[in-house]
């Protein structure tokens, strides 16, 4: 469910949703998502002063809290 949420958020931000890929790393109750987008869309995902990236991480942490998981999102180039 959380991977689908991250995909939905990213797809609505970028201009090339087909270039989105998400790698999921699970370590016990900790989940790390690596979000990869097209180089041209990095600014759209990170936002001015990192505000959009911060809000994406906040939403994902909230979704993880509902399932008693610790969730983090890395935006990779």
PDB file of N, CA and C in Angstrom:
ATOM      1  N   UNK A   1       0.813  -1.191   0.000  1.00  0.00           N
ATOM      2  CA  UNK A   1       0.000   0.000   0.000  1.00  0.00           C
ATOM      3  C   UNK A   1       0.864   1.267   0.000  1.00  0.00           C
ATOM      4  N   UNK A   2       1.944   1.254   0.760  1.00  0.00           N
ATOM      5  CA  UNK A   2       2.770   2.455   0.864  1.00  0.00           C
ATOM      6  C   UNK A   2       3.533   2.722  -0.436  1.00  0.00           C
ATOM      7  N   UNK A   3       3.964   1.649  -1.103  1.00  0.00           N
ATOM      8  CA  UNK A   3       4.659   1.832  -2.370  1.00  0.00           C
ATOM      9  C   UNK A   3       3.710   2.426  -3.410  1.00  0.00           C
ATOM     10  N   UNK A   4       2.468   1.998  -3.397  1.00  0.00           N
ATOM     11  CA  UNK A   4       1.473   2.544  -4.318  1.00  0.00           C
ATOM     12  C   UNK A   4       1.205   4.016  -4.019  1.00  0.00           C
ATOM     13  N   UNK A   5       1.186   4.377  -2.742  1.00  0.00           N
ATOM     14  CA  UNK A   5       0.995   5.776  -2.360  1.00  0.00           C
ATOM     15  C   UNK A   5       2.133   6.636  -2.877  1.00  0.00           C
ATOM     16  N   UNK A   6       3.364   6.177  -2.713  1.00  0.00           N
ATOM     17  CA  UNK A   6       4.516   6.926  -3.203  1.00  0.00           C
ATOM     18  C   UNK A   6       4.490   7.040  -4.725  1.00  0.00           C
ATOM     19  N   UNK A   7       4.107   5.984  -5.398  1.00  0.00           N
ATOM     20  CA  UNK A   7       3.994   6.015  -6.857  1.00  0.00           C
ATOM     21  C   UNK A   7       2.944   7.022  -7.294  1.00  0.00           C
ATOM     22  N   UNK A   8       1.811   7.046  -6.613  1.00  0.00           N
ATOM     23  CA  UNK A   8       0.732   7.977  -6.937  1.00  0.00           C
ATOM     24  C   UNK A   8       1.182   9.425  -6.758  1.00  0.00           C
ATOM     25  N   UNK A   9       1.840   9.700  -5.649  1.00  0.00           N
ATOM     26  CA  UNK A   9       2.304  11.064  -5.376  1.00  0.00           C
ATOM     27  C   UNK A   9       3.309  11.503  -6.437  1.00  0.00           C
ATOM     28  N   UNK A  10       4.289  10.662  -6.704  1.00  0.00           N
ATOM     29  CA  UNK A  10       5.334  11.003  -7.674  1.00  0.00           C
ATOM     30  C   UNK A  10       4.765  11.162  -9.074  1.00  0.00           C
ATOM     31  N   UNK A  11       3.851  10.290  -9.461  1.00  0.00           N
ATOM     32  CA  UNK A  11       3.283  10.345 -10.810  1.00  0.00           C
ATOM     33  C   UNK A  11       2.516  11.642 -11.049  1.00  0.00           C
ATOM     34  N   UNK A  12       1.928  12.189  -9.996  1.00  0.00           N
ATOM     35  CA  UNK A  12       1.176  13.431 -10.145  1.00  0.00           C
ATOM     36  C   UNK A  12       2.065  14.667 -10.093  1.00  0.00           C
ATOM     37  N   UNK A  13       3.320  14.496  -9.755  1.00  0.00           N
ATOM     38  CA  UNK A  13       4.248  15.622  -9.707  1.00  0.00           C
ATOM     39  C   UNK A  13       5.093  15.760 -10.972  1.00  0.00           C
ATOM     40  N   UNK A  14       5.451  14.642 -11.576  1.00  0.00           N
ATOM     41  CA  UNK A  14       6.421  14.652 -12.670  1.00  0.00           C
ATOM     42  C   UNK A  14       5.742  14.775 -14.026  1.00  0.00           C
ATOM     43  N   UNK A  15       6.539  15.139 -15.026  1.00  0.00           N
ATOM     44  CA  UNK A  15       6.010  15.223 -16.385  1.00  0.00           C
ATOM     45  C   UNK A  15       6.192  13.910 -17.141  1.00  0.00           C
ATOM     46  N   UNK A  16       7.059  13.007 -16.652  1.00  0.00           N
ATOM     47  CA  UNK A  16       7.294  11.711 -17.290  1.00  0.00           C
ATOM     48  C   UNK A  16       7.063  10.592 -16.275  1.00  0.00           C
ATOM     49  N   UNK A  17       5.799  10.228 -16.022  1.00  0.00           N
ATOM     50  CA  UNK A  17       5.522   9.216 -14.999  1.00  0.00           C
ATOM     51  C   UNK A  17       6.045   7.823 -15.350  1.00  0.00           C
ATOM     52  N   UNK A  18       6.329   7.570 -16.625  1.00  0.00           N
ATOM     53  CA  UNK A  18       6.851   6.259 -17.006  1.00  0.00           C
ATOM     54  C   UNK A  18       8.286   6.056 -16.531  1.00  0.00           C
ATOM     55  N   UNK A  19       8.988   7.129 -16.218  1.00  0.00           N
ATOM     56  CA  UNK A  19      10.389   7.039 -15.779  1.00  0.00           C
ATOM     57  C   UNK A  19      10.514   6.804 -14.278  1.00  0.00           C
ATOM     58  N   UNK A  20       9.415   6.710 -13.565  1.00  0.00           N
ATOM     59  CA  UNK A  20       9.454   6.509 -12.119  1.00  0.00           C
ATOM     60  C   UNK A  20       9.802   5.057 -11.819  1.00  0.00           C
ATOM     61  N   UNK A  21      10.756   4.884 -10.916  1.00  0.00           N
ATOM     62  CA  UNK A  21      11.019   3.543 -10.381  1.00  0.00           C
ATOM     63  C   UNK A  21      11.260   3.680  -8.886  1.00  0.00           C
ATOM     64  N   UNK A  22      10.776   2.693  -8.159  1.00  0.00           N
ATOM     65  CA  UNK A  22      10.886   2.715  -6.702  1.00  0.00           C
ATOM     66  C   UNK A  22      11.456   1.383  -6.236  1.00  0.00           C
ATOM     67  N   UNK A  23      12.554   1.459  -5.494  1.00  0.00           N
ATOM     68  CA  UNK A  23      13.147   0.272  -4.891  1.00  0.00           C
ATOM     69  C   UNK A  23      12.788   0.269  -3.416  1.00  0.00           C
ATOM     70  N   UNK A  24      12.395  -0.884  -2.927  1.00  0.00           N
ATOM     71  CA  UNK A  24      11.968  -1.025  -1.541  1.00  0.00           C
ATOM     72  C   UNK A  24      12.971  -1.895  -0.788  1.00  0.00           C
ATOM     73  N   UNK A  25      13.494  -1.386   0.315  1.00  0.00           N
ATOM     74  CA  UNK A  25      14.411  -2.150   1.155  1.00  0.00           C
ATOM     75  C   UNK A  25      13.770  -2.313   2.517  1.00  0.00           C
ATOM     76  N   UNK A  26      13.585  -3.561   2.930  1.00  0.00           N
ATOM     77  CA  UNK A  26      12.926  -3.853   4.198  1.00  0.00           C
ATOM     78  C   UNK A  26      13.954  -4.435   5.162  1.00  0.00           C
ATOM     79  N   UNK A  27      14.000  -3.867   6.356  1.00  0.00           N
ATOM     80  CA  UNK A  27      14.884  -4.355   7.412  1.00  0.00           C
ATOM     81  C   UNK A  27      14.066  -4.417   8.702  1.00  0.00           C
ATOM     82  N   UNK A  28      13.435  -5.538   8.934  1.00  0.00           N
ATOM     83  CA  UNK A  28      12.570  -5.678  10.112  1.00  0.00           C
ATOM     84  C   UNK A  28      11.332  -4.823   9.943  1.00  0.00           C
ATOM     85  N   UNK A  29      11.147  -3.850  10.840  1.00  0.00           N
ATOM     86  CA  UNK A  29       9.995  -2.966  10.736  1.00  0.00           C
ATOM     87  C   UNK A  29      10.374  -1.619  10.133  1.00  0.00           C
ATOM     88  N   UNK A  30      11.580  -1.540   9.554  1.00  0.00           N
ATOM     89  CA  UNK A  30      12.020  -0.325   8.875  1.00  0.00           C
ATOM     90  C   UNK A  30      11.986  -0.542   7.367  1.00  0.00           C
ATOM     91  N   UNK A  31      11.375   0.401   6.663  1.00  0.00           N
ATOM     92  CA  UNK A  31      11.265   0.324   5.207  1.00  0.00           C
ATOM     93  C   UNK A  31      11.871   1.585   4.613  1.00  0.00           C
ATOM     94  N   UNK A  32      12.752   1.401   3.639  1.00  0.00           N
ATOM     95  CA  UNK A  32      13.341   2.526   2.928  1.00  0.00           C
ATOM     96  C   UNK A  32      12.953   2.422   1.468  1.00  0.00           C
ATOM     97  N   UNK A  33      12.394   3.503   0.943  1.00  0.00           N
ATOM     98  CA  UNK A  33      12.030   3.569  -0.471  1.00  0.00           C
ATOM     99  C   UNK A  33      13.017   4.475  -1.183  1.00  0.00           C
ATOM    100  N   UNK A  34      13.568   3.986  -2.277  1.00  0.00           N
ATOM    101  CA  UNK A  34      14.445   4.791  -3.122  1.00  0.00           C
ATOM    102  C   UNK A  34      13.636   5.199  -4.347  1.00  0.00           C
ATOM    103  N   UNK A  35      13.384   6.475  -4.462  1.00  0.00           N
ATOM    104  CA  UNK A  35      12.582   7.009  -5.557  1.00  0.00           C
ATOM    105  C   UNK A  35      13.501   7.524  -6.652  1.00  0.00           C
ATOM    106  N   UNK A  36      13.338   6.990  -7.848  1.00  0.00           N
ATOM    107  CA  UNK A  36      14.110   7.422  -9.009  1.00  0.00           C
ATOM    108  C   UNK A  36      13.137   8.036 -10.019  1.00  0.00           C
ATOM    109  N   UNK A  37      13.449   9.246 -10.466  1.00  0.00           N
ATOM    110  CA  UNK A  37      12.653   9.915 -11.500  1.00  0.00           C
ATOM    111  C   UNK A  37      13.596  10.402 -12.589  1.00  0.00           C
ATOM    112  N   UNK A  38      13.034  10.868 -13.693  1.00  0.00           N
ATOM    113  CA  UNK A  38      13.845  11.409 -14.780  1.00  0.00           C
ATOM    114  C   UNK A  38      14.604  12.636 -14.280  1.00  0.00           C
ATOM    115  N   UNK A  39      15.762  12.876 -14.875  1.00  0.00           N
ATOM    116  CA  UNK A  39      16.606  13.995 -14.443  1.00  0.00           C
ATOM    117  C   UNK A  39      15.878  15.334 -14.555  1.00  0.00           C
ATOM    118  N   UNK A  40      15.049  15.484 -15.580  1.00  0.00           N
ATOM    119  CA  UNK A  40      14.314  16.736 -15.764  1.00  0.00           C
ATOM    120  C   UNK A  40      13.255  16.957 -14.684  1.00  0.00           C
ATOM    121  N   UNK A  41      12.838  15.891 -14.021  1.00  0.00           N
ATOM    122  CA  UNK A  41      11.772  15.989 -13.018  1.00  0.00           C
ATOM    123  C   UNK A  41      12.285  16.080 -11.585  1.00  0.00           C
ATOM    124  N   UNK A  42      13.582  16.051 -11.385  1.00  0.00           N
ATOM    125  CA  UNK A  42      14.123  16.100 -10.021  1.00  0.00           C
ATOM    126  C   UNK A  42      13.682  17.361  -9.290  1.00  0.00           C
ATOM    127  N   UNK A  43      13.688  18.486  -9.969  1.00  0.00           N
ATOM    128  CA  UNK A  43      13.277  19.740  -9.347  1.00  0.00           C
ATOM    129  C   UNK A  43      11.821  19.736  -8.931  1.00  0.00           C
ATOM    130  N   UNK A  44      10.990  19.051  -9.694  1.00  0.00           N
ATOM    131  CA  UNK A  44       9.569  18.981  -9.355  1.00  0.00           C
ATOM    132  C   UNK A  44       9.337  18.130  -8.111  1.00  0.00           C
ATOM    133  N   UNK A  45      10.138  17.107  -7.940  1.00  0.00           N
ATOM    134  CA  UNK A  45       9.970  16.209  -6.794  1.00  0.00           C
ATOM    135  C   UNK A  45      10.597  16.809  -5.542  1.00  0.00           C
ATOM    136  N   UNK A  46      11.721  17.489  -5.696  1.00  0.00           N
ATOM    137  CA  UNK A  46      12.394  18.072  -4.536  1.00  0.00           C
ATOM    138  C   UNK A  46      11.735  19.383  -4.131  1.00  0.00           C
ATOM    139  N   UNK A  47      11.422  20.217  -5.104  1.00  0.00           N
ATOM    140  CA  UNK A  47      10.745  21.476  -4.812  1.00  0.00           C
ATOM    141  C   UNK A  47      11.701  22.553  -4.352  1.00  0.00           C
ATOM    142  N   UNK A  48      11.166  23.740  -4.230  1.00  0.00           N
ATOM    143  CA  UNK A  48      11.960  24.877  -3.769  1.00  0.00           C
ATOM    144  C   UNK A  48      12.323  24.685  -2.306  1.00  0.00           C
ATOM    145  N   UNK A  49      13.608  24.736  -2.016  1.00  0.00           N
ATOM    146  CA  UNK A  49      14.148  24.558  -0.668  1.00  0.00           C
ATOM    147  C   UNK A  49      13.800  23.189  -0.082  1.00  0.00           C
ATOM    148  N   UNK A  50      13.496  22.206  -0.924  1.00  0.00           N
ATOM    149  CA  UNK A  50      13.216  20.852  -0.453  1.00  0.00           C
ATOM    150  C   UNK A  50      11.867  20.661   0.190  1.00  0.00           C
ATOM    151  N   UNK A  51      10.960  21.598  -0.013  1.00  0.00           N
ATOM    152  CA  UNK A  51       9.659  21.524   0.669  1.00  0.00           C
ATOM    153  C   UNK A  51       8.804  20.354   0.199  1.00  0.00           C
ATOM    154  N   UNK A  52       8.782  20.095  -1.096  1.00  0.00           N
ATOM    155  CA  UNK A  52       7.958  18.989  -1.604  1.00  0.00           C
ATOM    156  C   UNK A  52       8.518  17.661  -1.115  1.00  0.00           C
ATOM    157  N   UNK A  53       9.849  17.507  -1.170  1.00  0.00           N
ATOM    158  CA  UNK A  53      10.481  16.276  -0.681  1.00  0.00           C
ATOM    159  C   UNK A  53      10.160  16.063   0.797  1.00  0.00           C
ATOM    160  N   UNK A  54      10.189  17.122   1.565  1.00  0.00           N
ATOM    161  CA  UNK A  54       9.880  17.023   2.997  1.00  0.00           C
ATOM    162  C   UNK A  54       8.441  16.571   3.204  1.00  0.00           C
ATOM    163  N   UNK A  55       7.519  17.102   2.434  1.00  0.00           N
ATOM    164  CA  UNK A  55       6.113  16.720   2.572  1.00  0.00           C
ATOM    165  C   UNK A  55       5.870  15.287   2.117  1.00  0.00           C
ATOM    166  N   UNK A  56       6.578  14.850   1.075  1.00  0.00           N
ATOM    167  CA  UNK A  56       6.470  13.448   0.646  1.00  0.00           C
ATOM    168  C   UNK A  56       6.913  12.538   1.782  1.00  0.00           C
ATOM    169  N   UNK A  57       8.026  12.873   2.401  1.00  0.00           N
ATOM    170  CA  UNK A  57       8.531  12.068   3.523  1.00  0.00           C
ATOM    171  C   UNK A  57       7.557  12.076   4.694  1.00  0.00           C
ATOM    172  N   UNK A  58       6.942  13.218   4.954  1.00  0.00           N
ATOM    173  CA  UNK A  58       5.965  13.317   6.047  1.00  0.00           C
ATOM    174  C   UNK A  58       4.752  12.429   5.784  1.00  0.00           C
ATOM    175  N   UNK A  59       4.243  12.462   4.558  1.00  0.00           N
ATOM    176  CA  UNK A  59       3.099  11.613   4.207  1.00  0.00           C
ATOM    177  C   UNK A  59       3.440  10.132   4.322  1.00  0.00           C
ATOM    178  N   UNK A  60       4.619   9.769   3.866  1.00  0.00           N
ATOM    179  CA  UNK A  60       5.016   8.365   3.913  1.00  0.00           C
ATOM    180  C   UNK A  60       5.237   7.902   5.361  1.00  0.00           C
ATOM    181  N   UNK A  61       5.787   8.767   6.211  1.00  0.00           N
ATOM    182  CA  UNK A  61       5.958   8.412   7.620  1.00  0.00           C
ATOM    183  C   UNK A  61       4.600   8.218   8.287  1.00  0.00           C
ATOM    184  N   UNK A  62       3.637   9.074   7.944  1.00  0.00           N
ATOM    185  CA  UNK A  62       2.288   8.944   8.503  1.00  0.00           C
ATOM    186  C   UNK A  62       1.639   7.636   8.062  1.00  0.00           C
ATOM    187  N   UNK A  63       1.818   7.281   6.808  1.00  0.00           N
ATOM    188  CA  UNK A  63       1.272   6.008   6.317  1.00  0.00           C
ATOM    189  C   UNK A  63       1.950   4.835   7.004  1.00  0.00           C
ATOM    190  N   UNK A  64       3.234   4.944   7.249  1.00  0.00           N
ATOM    191  CA  UNK A  64       3.952   3.889   7.954  1.00  0.00           C
ATOM    192  C   UNK A  64       3.521   3.751   9.398  1.00  0.00           C
ATOM    193  N   UNK A  65       3.231   4.869  10.038  1.00  0.00           N
ATOM    194  CA  UNK A  65       2.772   4.830  11.432  1.00  0.00           C
ATOM    195  C   UNK A  65       1.470   4.065  11.579  1.00  0.00           C
ATOM    196  N   UNK A  66       0.631   4.132  10.557  1.00  0.00           N
ATOM    197  CA  UNK A  66      -0.648   3.402  10.608  1.00  0.00           C
ATOM    198  C   UNK A  66      -0.426   1.896  10.611  1.00  0.00           C
ATOM    199  N   UNK A  67       0.722   1.459  10.069  1.00  0.00           N
ATOM    200  CA  UNK A  67       1.033   0.028  10.008  1.00  0.00           C
ATOM    201  C   UNK A  67       2.172  -0.339  10.963  1.00  0.00           C
ATOM    202  N   UNK A  68       2.501   0.560  11.878  1.00  0.00           N
ATOM    203  CA  UNK A  68       3.577   0.358  12.853  1.00  0.00           C
ATOM    204  C   UNK A  68       4.914   0.061  12.183  1.00  0.00           C
ATOM    205  N   UNK A  69       5.208   0.798  11.127  1.00  0.00           N
ATOM    206  CA  UNK A  69       6.466   0.672  10.397  1.00  0.00           C
ATOM    207  C   UNK A  69       7.184   2.013  10.397  1.00  0.00           C
ATOM    208  N   UNK A  70       8.497   1.966  10.379  1.00  0.00           N
ATOM    209  CA  UNK A  70       9.289   3.181  10.239  1.00  0.00           C
ATOM    210  C   UNK A  70       9.656   3.305   8.767  1.00  0.00           C
ATOM    211  N   UNK A  71       9.201   4.374   8.139  1.00  0.00           N
ATOM    212  CA  UNK A  71       9.364   4.537   6.701  1.00  0.00           C
ATOM    213  C   UNK A  71      10.243   5.752   6.408  1.00  0.00           C
ATOM    214  N   UNK A  72      11.164   5.581   5.468  1.00  0.00           N
ATOM    215  CA  UNK A  72      11.961   6.699   4.995  1.00  0.00           C
ATOM    216  C   UNK A  72      11.991   6.664   3.468  1.00  0.00           C
ATOM    217  N   UNK A  73      12.168   7.845   2.879  1.00  0.00           N
ATOM    218  CA  UNK A  73      12.188   7.982   1.414  1.00  0.00           C
ATOM    219  C   UNK A  73      13.478   8.663   1.021  1.00  0.00           C
ATOM    220  N   UNK A  74      14.223   8.034   0.128  1.00  0.00           N
ATOM    221  CA  UNK A  74      15.425   8.624  -0.451  1.00  0.00           C
ATOM    222  C   UNK A  74      15.129   8.963  -1.897  1.00  0.00           C
ATOM    223  N   UNK A  75      15.386  10.189  -2.269  1.00  0.00           N
ATOM    224  CA  UNK A  75      15.193  10.621  -3.651  1.00  0.00           C
ATOM    225  C   UNK A  75      16.548  10.550  -4.335  1.00  0.00           C
ATOM    226  N   UNK A  76      16.689   9.614  -5.256  1.00  0.00           N
ATOM    227  CA  UNK A  76      17.979   9.323  -5.877  1.00  0.00           C
ATOM    228  C   UNK A  76      18.023   9.901  -7.290  1.00  0.00           C
ATOM    229  N   UNK A  77      19.229  10.292  -7.694  1.00  0.00           N
ATOM    230  CA  UNK A  77      19.398  10.776  -9.063  1.00  0.00           C
ATOM    231  C   UNK A  77      19.982   9.709  -9.943  1.00  0.00           C
TER     232      UNK A  77
END
